[in-house]
Amino acid sequence: MNTDRLSDLVVGVAGDVAGTVVDPRAGLARLRAVITPRALITVAAGLAVGFLLVRARRR
């Protein structure tokens, strides 16, 4: 996995999220263009795994 590209992706998405705060209509349109079904599934899976890890550590 190329980590340089991953960091660029994270920075780009963070910038799009910040743009959404400033101009919600344009920001959401930009986020819709950037987010692909594969990226959405990856984020959802990451959130689920993170939730399960935190839940397991709290026990």
N, C-alpha and C. Protein backbone atom coordinates (compact mmCIF):
# COMPACT_ATOMS: atom_id res chain seq x y z
N MET A 1 0.85 -1.18 0.00
CA MET A 1 0.00 0.00 0.00
C MET A 1 0.89 1.24 0.00
N ASN A 2 0.57 2.17 -0.83
CA ASN A 2 1.34 3.40 -0.94
C ASN A 2 0.82 4.39 0.11
N THR A 3 1.60 4.61 1.17
CA THR A 3 1.14 5.47 2.26
C THR A 3 1.17 6.95 1.89
N ASP A 4 2.01 7.33 0.94
CA ASP A 4 2.03 8.74 0.52
C ASP A 4 0.70 9.13 -0.09
N ARG A 5 0.14 8.29 -0.88
CA ARG A 5 -1.14 8.59 -1.51
C ARG A 5 -2.26 8.60 -0.47
N LEU A 6 -2.19 7.71 0.51
CA LEU A 6 -3.20 7.65 1.56
C LEU A 6 -3.22 8.96 2.35
N SER A 7 -2.05 9.50 2.67
CA SER A 7 -2.00 10.76 3.41
C SER A 7 -2.56 11.91 2.58
N ASP A 8 -2.30 11.88 1.27
CA ASP A 8 -2.88 12.90 0.40
C ASP A 8 -4.40 12.80 0.37
N LEU A 9 -4.91 11.59 0.36
CA LEU A 9 -6.35 11.37 0.36
C LEU A 9 -6.97 11.89 1.65
N VAL A 10 -6.32 11.59 2.78
CA VAL A 10 -6.84 12.03 4.08
C VAL A 10 -6.85 13.55 4.16
N VAL A 11 -5.78 14.18 3.72
CA VAL A 11 -5.70 15.64 3.75
C VAL A 11 -6.76 16.26 2.83
N GLY A 12 -6.96 15.67 1.67
CA GLY A 12 -7.97 16.17 0.75
C GLY A 12 -9.38 16.06 1.31
N VAL A 13 -9.68 14.94 1.94
CA VAL A 13 -11.01 14.76 2.54
C VAL A 13 -11.19 15.71 3.71
N ALA A 14 -10.14 15.91 4.51
CA ALA A 14 -10.23 16.85 5.63
C ALA A 14 -10.49 18.27 5.12
N GLY A 15 -9.86 18.63 4.02
CA GLY A 15 -10.11 19.94 3.42
C GLY A 15 -11.53 20.06 2.91
N ASP A 16 -12.05 19.00 2.33
CA ASP A 16 -13.43 19.02 1.86
C ASP A 16 -14.41 19.14 3.03
N VAL A 17 -14.11 18.48 4.13
CA VAL A 17 -14.97 18.59 5.31
C VAL A 17 -14.93 20.01 5.85
N ALA A 18 -13.75 20.62 5.90
CA ALA A 18 -13.64 22.01 6.35
C ALA A 18 -14.40 22.94 5.40
N GLY A 19 -14.34 22.67 4.12
CA GLY A 19 -15.09 23.47 3.15
C GLY A 19 -16.58 23.33 3.33
N THR A 20 -17.03 22.17 3.78
CA THR A 20 -18.44 21.95 4.04
C THR A 20 -18.93 22.83 5.18
N VAL A 21 -18.08 23.07 6.16
CA VAL A 21 -18.45 23.93 7.29
C VAL A 21 -18.62 25.37 6.80
N VAL A 22 -17.75 25.82 5.93
CA VAL A 22 -17.80 27.19 5.43
C VAL A 22 -18.95 27.39 4.45
N ASP A 23 -19.08 26.50 3.47
CA ASP A 23 -20.13 26.61 2.45
C ASP A 23 -20.77 25.23 2.30
N PRO A 24 -21.83 24.96 3.07
CA PRO A 24 -22.40 23.61 3.10
C PRO A 24 -22.85 23.08 1.73
N ARG A 25 -23.46 23.91 0.92
CA ARG A 25 -23.98 23.43 -0.37
C ARG A 25 -22.84 22.99 -1.29
N ALA A 26 -21.85 23.83 -1.46
CA ALA A 26 -20.72 23.49 -2.33
C ALA A 26 -19.87 22.37 -1.73
N GLY A 27 -19.72 22.39 -0.41
CA GLY A 27 -18.93 21.36 0.26
C GLY A 27 -19.53 19.98 0.12
N LEU A 28 -20.85 19.88 0.28
CA LEU A 28 -21.51 18.59 0.14
C LEU A 28 -21.44 18.08 -1.29
N ALA A 29 -21.55 18.98 -2.25
CA ALA A 29 -21.43 18.57 -3.65
C ALA A 29 -20.02 18.04 -3.92
N ARG A 30 -19.02 18.67 -3.36
CA ARG A 30 -17.64 18.22 -3.54
C ARG A 30 -17.42 16.88 -2.86
N LEU A 31 -17.97 16.71 -1.66
CA LEU A 31 -17.83 15.43 -0.96
C LEU A 31 -18.51 14.30 -1.72
N ARG A 32 -19.67 14.56 -2.29
CA ARG A 32 -20.36 13.54 -3.08
C ARG A 32 -19.53 13.12 -4.28
N ALA A 33 -18.83 14.06 -4.87
CA ALA A 33 -17.99 13.75 -6.03
C ALA A 33 -16.77 12.94 -5.64
N VAL A 34 -16.25 13.16 -4.44
CA VAL A 34 -15.03 12.49 -3.99
C VAL A 34 -15.32 11.09 -3.45
N ILE A 35 -16.41 10.96 -2.72
CA ILE A 35 -16.71 9.69 -2.06
C ILE A 35 -17.23 8.68 -3.08
N THR A 36 -16.54 7.57 -3.18
CA THR A 36 -16.96 6.48 -4.05
C THR A 36 -17.57 5.38 -3.18
N PRO A 37 -18.33 4.49 -3.76
CA PRO A 37 -18.89 3.39 -2.95
C PRO A 37 -17.80 2.59 -2.23
N ARG A 38 -16.68 2.39 -2.89
CA ARG A 38 -15.59 1.64 -2.25
C ARG A 38 -15.05 2.39 -1.03
N ALA A 39 -14.89 3.71 -1.15
CA ALA A 39 -14.41 4.50 -0.02
C ALA A 39 -15.43 4.50 1.11
N LEU A 40 -16.69 4.57 0.77
CA LEU A 40 -17.75 4.56 1.79
C LEU A 40 -17.75 3.25 2.55
N ILE A 41 -17.59 2.14 1.84
CA ILE A 41 -17.55 0.83 2.49
C ILE A 41 -16.30 0.71 3.37
N THR A 42 -15.18 1.23 2.90
CA THR A 42 -13.94 1.19 3.67
C THR A 42 -14.07 1.99 4.97
N VAL A 43 -14.66 3.17 4.88
CA VAL A 43 -14.85 4.00 6.08
C VAL A 43 -15.81 3.33 7.05
N ALA A 44 -16.90 2.79 6.52
CA ALA A 44 -17.88 2.12 7.38
C ALA A 44 -17.25 0.91 8.08
N ALA A 45 -16.45 0.14 7.35
CA ALA A 45 -15.79 -1.02 7.95
C ALA A 45 -14.78 -0.58 9.01
N GLY A 46 -14.06 0.50 8.74
CA GLY A 46 -13.11 1.03 9.73
C GLY A 46 -13.80 1.50 10.99
N LEU A 47 -14.93 2.16 10.83
CA LEU A 47 -15.69 2.60 12.00
C LEU A 47 -16.21 1.41 12.80
N ALA A 48 -16.69 0.40 12.12
CA ALA A 48 -17.21 -0.79 12.81
C ALA A 48 -16.09 -1.50 13.57
N VAL A 49 -14.93 -1.67 12.95
CA VAL A 49 -13.80 -2.33 13.61
C VAL A 49 -13.34 -1.50 14.80
N GLY A 50 -13.25 -0.19 14.62
CA GLY A 50 -12.87 0.69 15.72
C GLY A 50 -13.83 0.61 16.88
N PHE A 51 -15.12 0.59 16.58
CA PHE A 51 -16.14 0.47 17.63
C PHE A 51 -15.97 -0.83 18.39
N LEU A 52 -15.77 -1.92 17.67
CA LEU A 52 -15.62 -3.22 18.32
C LEU A 52 -14.34 -3.29 19.16
N LEU A 53 -13.26 -2.68 18.69
CA LEU A 53 -12.02 -2.66 19.48
C LEU A 53 -12.18 -1.87 20.76
N VAL A 54 -12.81 -0.72 20.68
CA VAL A 54 -13.03 0.10 21.89
C VAL A 54 -13.95 -0.62 22.85
N ARG A 55 -14.96 -1.23 22.32
CA ARG A 55 -15.92 -1.96 23.17
C ARG A 55 -15.24 -3.13 23.88
N ALA A 56 -14.35 -3.83 23.17
CA ALA A 56 -13.64 -4.96 23.78
C ALA A 56 -12.67 -4.49 24.87
N ARG A 57 -12.05 -3.35 24.67
CA ARG A 57 -11.10 -2.83 25.67
C ARG A 57 -11.78 -2.31 26.92
N ARG A 58 -13.02 -1.86 26.79
CA ARG A 58 -13.74 -1.32 27.94
C ARG A 58 -14.18 -2.42 28.89
N ARG A 59 -14.26 -3.67 28.42
CA ARG A 59 -14.72 -4.77 29.25
C ARG A 59 -13.67 -5.28 30.16
